[in-house]
Amino acid sequence: MELIMPIFASVVVIFGLVRRVPVFDIFLKGAKEGIQLLYNIAPTIIGLVFAVDLLKSSGAIDRLCTMAAPIAEYMGFPKEIVPMVLLRPISGSGATALLTSLYETSGPDSFAGRVASVLAGASETTFYAIAMYYGSIKVEKIRHTLIAALAADFTAFVMSVITIRVFG
C-alpha cells in the first residue's frame, strides 16, 4: 500500500517523458497556480476560522442551543443533536467532535446517536464550502447560494430524524 503514491508518480513522469511533455516545467506551473489559489482563498478561510472561534468563545452557540433545544424537543427532534445541527454548517471538525461526544454520552445506537450519524453524512459544512469555492474563483456575491445551502442543511436535519423514525 505504501508504494502506491511513488508508483503513481513514476508512471505519470514516465508517461509525460514518453509523450515529450516538459514534466518539470508543467509541475512548476501547477505549483505556482496552487500557491496563487492559496493566496486567493487564505483571507476567506482565516476570516471563517476567526468567526467560528468567536462564536465558540463568546458562548453564542451555547445560547442558541439552549434556546433551540425546547423547540426541537417539542417537535420530536432529539435535543442532544441541536448543537451539532447549529455547528455543522460552520465547522466540520467541531461537528465531528460533538458527534463523538454524543456517542460517548448517549451511545451510537441511541435514537440521537443514529440521527446524528445520518445528519453527519447528509449535511455539509456550508460556510466552509462557500468560502472555499467562491473564494478560489474570487466571487464576492454569493446570491442565493447561502439560502439554498442552509435550506438543504435544514432538510438534512429533518430527513435524518424522519429516516431514523421510519427505518431505525
C-alpha atoms as a PDB file:
ATOM      1  CA  MET A   1       0.000   0.000   0.000  1.00  0.00           C
ATOM      2  CA  GLU A   2       2.783   2.443   0.819  1.00  0.00           C
ATOM      3  CA  LEU A   3       4.220   2.137  -2.680  1.00  0.00           C
ATOM      4  CA  ILE A   4       1.056   3.287  -4.460  1.00  0.00           C
ATOM      5  CA  MET A   5       1.913   7.012  -4.486  1.00  0.00           C
ATOM      6  CA  PRO A   6       5.558   6.590  -5.625  1.00  0.00           C
ATOM      7  CA  ILE A   7       4.464   4.170  -8.336  1.00  0.00           C
ATOM      8  CA  PHE A   8       1.702   6.534  -9.458  1.00  0.00           C
ATOM      9  CA  ALA A   9       4.112   9.496  -9.559  1.00  0.00           C
ATOM     10  CA  SER A  10       6.645   7.425 -11.518  1.00  0.00           C
ATOM     11  CA  VAL A  11       4.020   6.352 -14.055  1.00  0.00           C
ATOM     12  CA  VAL A  12       2.921   9.986 -14.551  1.00  0.00           C
ATOM     13  CA  VAL A  13       6.519  11.151 -15.062  1.00  0.00           C
ATOM     14  CA  ILE A  14       7.362   8.279 -17.426  1.00  0.00           C
ATOM     15  CA  PHE A  15       4.147   8.835 -19.394  1.00  0.00           C
ATOM     16  CA  GLY A  16       4.969  12.552 -19.673  1.00  0.00           C
ATOM     17  CA  LEU A  17       8.527  11.847 -20.825  1.00  0.00           C
ATOM     18  CA  VAL A  18       7.336   9.322 -23.430  1.00  0.00           C
ATOM     19  CA  ARG A  19       4.872  11.906 -24.775  1.00  0.00           C
ATOM     20  CA  ARG A  20       7.699  14.526 -24.755  1.00  0.00           C
ATOM     21  CA  VAL A  21       5.959  16.754 -22.222  1.00  0.00           C
ATOM     22  CA  PRO A  22       8.225  19.066 -20.214  1.00  0.00           C
ATOM     23  CA  VAL A  23       7.243  17.370 -16.951  1.00  0.00           C
ATOM     24  CA  PHE A  24       9.224  19.559 -14.557  1.00  0.00           C
ATOM     25  CA  ASP A  25       8.067  22.791 -16.232  1.00  0.00           C
ATOM     26  CA  ILE A  26       4.437  21.645 -16.047  1.00  0.00           C
ATOM     27  CA  PHE A  27       4.952  20.686 -12.399  1.00  0.00           C
ATOM     28  CA  LEU A  28       6.346  24.135 -11.604  1.00  0.00           C
ATOM     29  CA  LYS A  29       3.453  25.814 -13.417  1.00  0.00           C
ATOM     30  CA  GLY A  30       0.959  23.758 -11.381  1.00  0.00           C
ATOM     31  CA  ALA A  31       2.751  24.531  -8.127  1.00  0.00           C
ATOM     32  CA  LYS A  32       2.702  28.251  -8.970  1.00  0.00           C
ATOM     33  CA  GLU A  33      -1.051  28.089  -9.680  1.00  0.00           C
ATOM     34  CA  GLY A  34      -1.584  26.243  -6.392  1.00  0.00           C
ATOM     35  CA  ILE A  35       0.228  28.945  -4.450  1.00  0.00           C
ATOM     36  CA  GLN A  36      -1.795  31.627  -6.229  1.00  0.00           C
ATOM     37  CA  LEU A  37      -5.010  29.781  -5.347  1.00  0.00           C
ATOM     38  CA  LEU A  38      -3.906  29.552  -1.719  1.00  0.00           C
ATOM     39  CA  TYR A  39      -3.161  33.276  -1.756  1.00  0.00           C
ATOM     40  CA  ASN A  40      -6.672  33.978  -3.095  1.00  0.00           C
ATOM     41  CA  ILE A  41      -8.583  31.857  -0.578  1.00  0.00           C
ATOM     42  CA  ALA A  42      -6.451  32.372   2.553  1.00  0.00           C
ATOM     43  CA  PRO A  43      -8.180  35.599   3.698  1.00  0.00           C
ATOM     44  CA  THR A  44     -11.596  33.968   3.396  1.00  0.00           C
ATOM     45  CA  ILE A  45     -10.557  30.878   5.347  1.00  0.00           C
ATOM     46  CA  ILE A  46      -8.811  32.963   8.018  1.00  0.00           C
ATOM     47  CA  GLY A  47     -11.964  35.063   8.409  1.00  0.00           C
ATOM     48  CA  LEU A  48     -14.131  31.946   8.666  1.00  0.00           C
ATOM     49  CA  VAL A  49     -11.885  30.351  11.298  1.00  0.00           C
ATOM     50  CA  PHE A  50     -11.902  33.622  13.246  1.00  0.00           C
ATOM     51  CA  ALA A  51     -15.713  33.797  13.109  1.00  0.00           C
ATOM     52  CA  VAL A  52     -16.085  30.186  14.307  1.00  0.00           C
ATOM     53  CA  ASP A  53     -13.688  30.778  17.198  1.00  0.00           C
ATOM     54  CA  LEU A  54     -15.517  33.986  18.059  1.00  0.00           C
ATOM     55  CA  LEU A  55     -18.880  32.200  18.129  1.00  0.00           C
ATOM     56  CA  LYS A  56     -17.498  29.418  20.308  1.00  0.00           C
ATOM     57  CA  SER A  57     -15.599  31.611  22.769  1.00  0.00           C
ATOM     58  CA  SER A  58     -18.407  34.152  23.135  1.00  0.00           C
ATOM     59  CA  GLY A  59     -20.883  31.450  24.104  1.00  0.00           C
ATOM     60  CA  ALA A  60     -23.241  32.406  21.269  1.00  0.00           C
ATOM     61  CA  ILE A  61     -23.523  28.816  20.069  1.00  0.00           C
ATOM     62  CA  ASP A  62     -24.308  27.608  23.599  1.00  0.00           C
ATOM     63  CA  ARG A  63     -27.024  30.242  23.967  1.00  0.00           C
ATOM     64  CA  LEU A  64     -28.545  29.344  20.602  1.00  0.00           C
ATOM     65  CA  CYS A  65     -28.565  25.670  21.593  1.00  0.00           C
ATOM     66  CA  THR A  66     -30.237  26.479  24.903  1.00  0.00           C
ATOM     67  CA  MET A  67     -32.931  28.474  23.104  1.00  0.00           C
ATOM     68  CA  ALA A  68     -33.469  25.911  20.316  1.00  0.00           C
ATOM     69  CA  ALA A  69     -33.452  22.719  22.407  1.00  0.00           C
ATOM     70  CA  PRO A  70     -37.012  23.065  23.821  1.00  0.00           C
ATOM     71  CA  ILE A  71     -38.379  23.847  20.348  1.00  0.00           C
ATOM     72  CA  ALA A  72     -36.599  20.840  18.840  1.00  0.00           C
ATOM     73  CA  GLU A  73     -37.792  18.572  21.635  1.00  0.00           C
ATOM     74  CA  TYR A  74     -41.378  19.820  21.263  1.00  0.00           C
ATOM     75  CA  MET A  75     -41.225  18.997  17.546  1.00  0.00           C
ATOM     76  CA  GLY A  76     -39.963  15.473  18.275  1.00  0.00           C
ATOM     77  CA  PHE A  77     -36.321  16.028  17.449  1.00  0.00           C
ATOM     78  CA  PRO A  78     -33.674  14.878  19.926  1.00  0.00           C
ATOM     79  CA  LYS A  79     -32.367  17.888  21.832  1.00  0.00           C
ATOM     80  CA  GLU A  80     -28.931  16.264  22.043  1.00  0.00           C
ATOM     81  CA  ILE A  81     -28.256  16.912  18.363  1.00  0.00           C
ATOM     82  CA  VAL A  82     -29.168  20.620  18.392  1.00  0.00           C
ATOM     83  CA  PRO A  83     -25.535  21.705  18.951  1.00  0.00           C
ATOM     84  CA  MET A  84     -24.450  19.577  16.013  1.00  0.00           C
ATOM     85  CA  VAL A  85     -27.218  20.969  13.817  1.00  0.00           C
ATOM     86  CA  LEU A  86     -26.081  24.508  14.583  1.00  0.00           C
ATOM     87  CA  LEU A  87     -22.339  23.836  14.279  1.00  0.00           C
ATOM     88  CA  ARG A  88     -22.267  21.515  11.252  1.00  0.00           C
ATOM     89  CA  PRO A  89     -22.778  24.265   8.622  1.00  0.00           C
ATOM     90  CA  ILE A  90     -19.932  26.234  10.202  1.00  0.00           C
ATOM     91  CA  SER A  91     -17.326  23.686  11.280  1.00  0.00           C
ATOM     92  CA  GLY A  92     -16.917  20.083  10.189  1.00  0.00           C
ATOM     93  CA  SER A  93     -14.297  19.298  12.829  1.00  0.00           C
ATOM     94  CA  GLY A  94     -16.418  20.917  15.539  1.00  0.00           C
ATOM     95  CA  ALA A  95     -19.441  18.888  14.459  1.00  0.00           C
ATOM     96  CA  THR A  96     -17.352  15.709  14.440  1.00  0.00           C
ATOM     97  CA  ALA A  97     -16.189  16.450  17.985  1.00  0.00           C
ATOM     98  CA  LEU A  98     -19.828  16.925  19.022  1.00  0.00           C
ATOM     99  CA  LEU A  99     -20.750  13.654  17.292  1.00  0.00           C
ATOM    100  CA  THR A 100     -18.028  11.803  19.196  1.00  0.00           C
ATOM    101  CA  SER A 101     -19.179  13.382  22.445  1.00  0.00           C
ATOM    102  CA  LEU A 102     -22.775  12.399  21.691  1.00  0.00           C
ATOM    103  CA  TYR A 103     -21.664   8.805  21.100  1.00  0.00           C
ATOM    104  CA  GLU A 104     -19.955   8.807  24.490  1.00  0.00           C
ATOM    105  CA  THR A 105     -22.928  10.240  26.377  1.00  0.00           C
ATOM    106  CA  SER A 106     -25.932   8.762  24.558  1.00  0.00           C
ATOM    107  CA  GLY A 107     -24.363   5.879  22.670  1.00  0.00           C
ATOM    108  CA  PRO A 108     -24.093   5.371  18.915  1.00  0.00           C
ATOM    109  CA  ASP A 109     -27.155   3.107  18.857  1.00  0.00           C
ATOM    110  CA  SER A 110     -29.403   5.569  20.668  1.00  0.00           C
ATOM    111  CA  PHE A 111     -32.009   7.487  18.718  1.00  0.00           C
ATOM    112  CA  ALA A 112     -29.953  10.688  18.999  1.00  0.00           C
ATOM    113  CA  GLY A 113     -26.765   8.841  18.003  1.00  0.00           C
ATOM    114  CA  ARG A 114     -28.337   7.336  14.898  1.00  0.00           C
ATOM    115  CA  VAL A 115     -29.935  10.656  13.883  1.00  0.00           C
ATOM    116  CA  ALA A 116     -26.612  12.441  14.381  1.00  0.00           C
ATOM    117  CA  SER A 117     -24.842   9.808  12.272  1.00  0.00           C
ATOM    118  CA  VAL A 118     -27.266  10.264   9.396  1.00  0.00           C
ATOM    119  CA  LEU A 119     -27.066  14.035   9.787  1.00  0.00           C
ATOM    120  CA  ALA A 120     -23.257  13.962   9.643  1.00  0.00           C
ATOM    121  CA  GLY A 121     -23.403  12.123   6.331  1.00  0.00           C
ATOM    122  CA  ALA A 122     -26.281  14.108   4.862  1.00  0.00           C
ATOM    123  CA  SER A 123     -25.242  17.667   5.641  1.00  0.00           C
ATOM    124  CA  GLU A 124     -22.429  19.932   4.527  1.00  0.00           C
ATOM    125  CA  THR A 125     -20.044  22.414   6.089  1.00  0.00           C
ATOM    126  CA  THR A 126     -21.890  25.107   4.198  1.00  0.00           C
ATOM    127  CA  PHE A 127     -19.918  28.195   5.171  1.00  0.00           C
ATOM    128  CA  TYR A 128     -16.573  26.455   4.632  1.00  0.00           C
ATOM    129  CA  ALA A 129     -17.617  25.123   1.222  1.00  0.00           C
ATOM    130  CA  ILE A 130     -18.919  28.505   0.096  1.00  0.00           C
ATOM    131  CA  ALA A 131     -15.775  30.216   1.361  1.00  0.00           C
ATOM    132  CA  MET A 132     -13.514  27.725  -0.407  1.00  0.00           C
ATOM    133  CA  TYR A 133     -15.283  27.502  -3.733  1.00  0.00           C
ATOM    134  CA  TYR A 134     -16.326  31.112  -4.140  1.00  0.00           C
ATOM    135  CA  GLY A 135     -13.100  32.399  -2.602  1.00  0.00           C
ATOM    136  CA  SER A 136     -10.991  30.370  -5.027  1.00  0.00           C
ATOM    137  CA  ILE A 137     -12.650  31.998  -8.032  1.00  0.00           C
ATOM    138  CA  LYS A 138     -12.972  35.429  -6.388  1.00  0.00           C
ATOM    139  CA  VAL A 139     -16.773  35.560  -6.358  1.00  0.00           C
ATOM    140  CA  GLU A 140     -17.952  38.105  -3.803  1.00  0.00           C
ATOM    141  CA  LYS A 141     -21.733  37.968  -4.275  1.00  0.00           C
ATOM    142  CA  ILE A 142     -22.990  34.525  -3.413  1.00  0.00           C
ATOM    143  CA  ARG A 143     -26.556  35.370  -4.426  1.00  0.00           C
ATOM    144  CA  HIS A 144     -28.928  32.626  -3.352  1.00  0.00           C
ATOM    145  CA  THR A 145     -26.274  30.021  -2.597  1.00  0.00           C
ATOM    146  CA  LEU A 146     -26.263  30.539   1.159  1.00  0.00           C
ATOM    147  CA  ILE A 147     -30.053  30.387   1.485  1.00  0.00           C
ATOM    148  CA  ALA A 148     -30.269  27.269  -0.699  1.00  0.00           C
ATOM    149  CA  ALA A 149     -27.405  25.577   1.149  1.00  0.00           C
ATOM    150  CA  LEU A 150     -28.862  26.323   4.587  1.00  0.00           C
ATOM    151  CA  ALA A 151     -32.245  25.067   3.379  1.00  0.00           C
ATOM    152  CA  ALA A 152     -30.505  21.859   2.293  1.00  0.00           C
ATOM    153  CA  ASP A 153     -28.870  21.576   5.727  1.00  0.00           C
ATOM    154  CA  PHE A 154     -32.245  22.055   7.423  1.00  0.00           C
ATOM    155  CA  THR A 155     -33.745  19.428   5.115  1.00  0.00           C
ATOM    156  CA  ALA A 156     -30.924  17.054   6.062  1.00  0.00           C
ATOM    157  CA  PHE A 157     -31.745  17.640   9.741  1.00  0.00           C
ATOM    158  CA  VAL A 158     -35.454  16.954   9.289  1.00  0.00           C
ATOM    159  CA  MET A 159     -34.934  13.997   6.980  1.00  0.00           C
ATOM    160  CA  SER A 160     -32.336  12.397   9.250  1.00  0.00           C
ATOM    161  CA  VAL A 161     -34.906  12.359  12.062  1.00  0.00           C
ATOM    162  CA  ILE A 162     -37.644  11.043   9.760  1.00  0.00           C
ATOM    163  CA  THR A 163     -35.326   8.424   8.256  1.00  0.00           C
ATOM    164  CA  ILE A 164     -34.368   7.039  11.653  1.00  0.00           C
ATOM    165  CA  ARG A 165     -38.018   7.063  12.803  1.00  0.00           C
ATOM    166  CA  VAL A 166     -39.109   5.145   9.701  1.00  0.00           C
ATOM    167  CA  PHE A 167     -36.151   2.780   9.154  1.00  0.00           C
ATOM    168  CA  GLY A 168     -34.375   2.793  12.533  1.00  0.00           C
END
